[in-house]
């Protein structure tokens, strides 16, 4: 095998030197290990779990720590528990007292006054309801009376119309008689006296006609006036009833406001009655402390 003059092996010499058997075995094992690792990483899940033994405790919302707040603003009269005391549900925790010792008496007086207002509003409502019934009855009676008067006026109008027709007929007859008497008087067949009597009858007939026409006009005016009165009676009756209804609505609003105020007073009195704070569940008192609006456990 030829070599270089400087003492290093040539290229041909390096290519002709075979690798040792252990090196080849190690290389093959490395390739196999790399392939197995890649396959394992592709198959094994990323999220890992650990198996262990023990006990897990999860409290329900009602079994967790609870704050007991005072239902009223006041001061603590007596604690029935201490920190670390075991209590059962419903046992007394603390007794409270309002800052104002006369508050309950004042609330009772306010409640009595509100009840009196409610009774007064109800009495007003009943009175207004009776007034509305009376107004309806009065309006109906007035309407009936006015309708009857209007009917009588209508009958008088018809009678006056018939009287006018009769008077005009009499006037036409008297006029024709006068014309005939004048013709006869011109021929000398009747006396002057008969002509004058005929003319007098014609004058009387014309006067009766005018009187009948005047009576008819008066009857028609009365009929129109009664028709207007009938409409006015109905309008006035409805206006009076509407006014009474509005007054009743005002009384109802006052009663509703009084009921709302009564409910607020009852709530305050109920809170005043809840001056004994009880344990809401079985448990242990952890801490006694103060808070805004009352004592908190």
Foldseek 3Di string as FASTA:
>chain_A
DDADPVPDRDPVVVVPDDDDPVVVVVVVVVVVVVVVVVVCVVPDDPDDDDDDDDDDDDDDPVRDDDKFFQLFFFAWPDAPDDFFDWDAFFAFGTFTAHNDNCPLVVLVVVLVVLVVLLVVLVVLLVVLVVVLVVLVVVLVVQLVVLVVVLVVLVVQLVVLVVQLVVLVVQLVVLVVVLVVVVVCVVVVNDDPVSNVVSVVSNVVSVVSNVVSVVSNVVSVVSSVVSVVVSVVSVVVSVVVSVVSVVVSVVSVVSSVVSVVVSVVSVVVSVSNVPRTGTHNRTDGRRDWACDPRYTMD
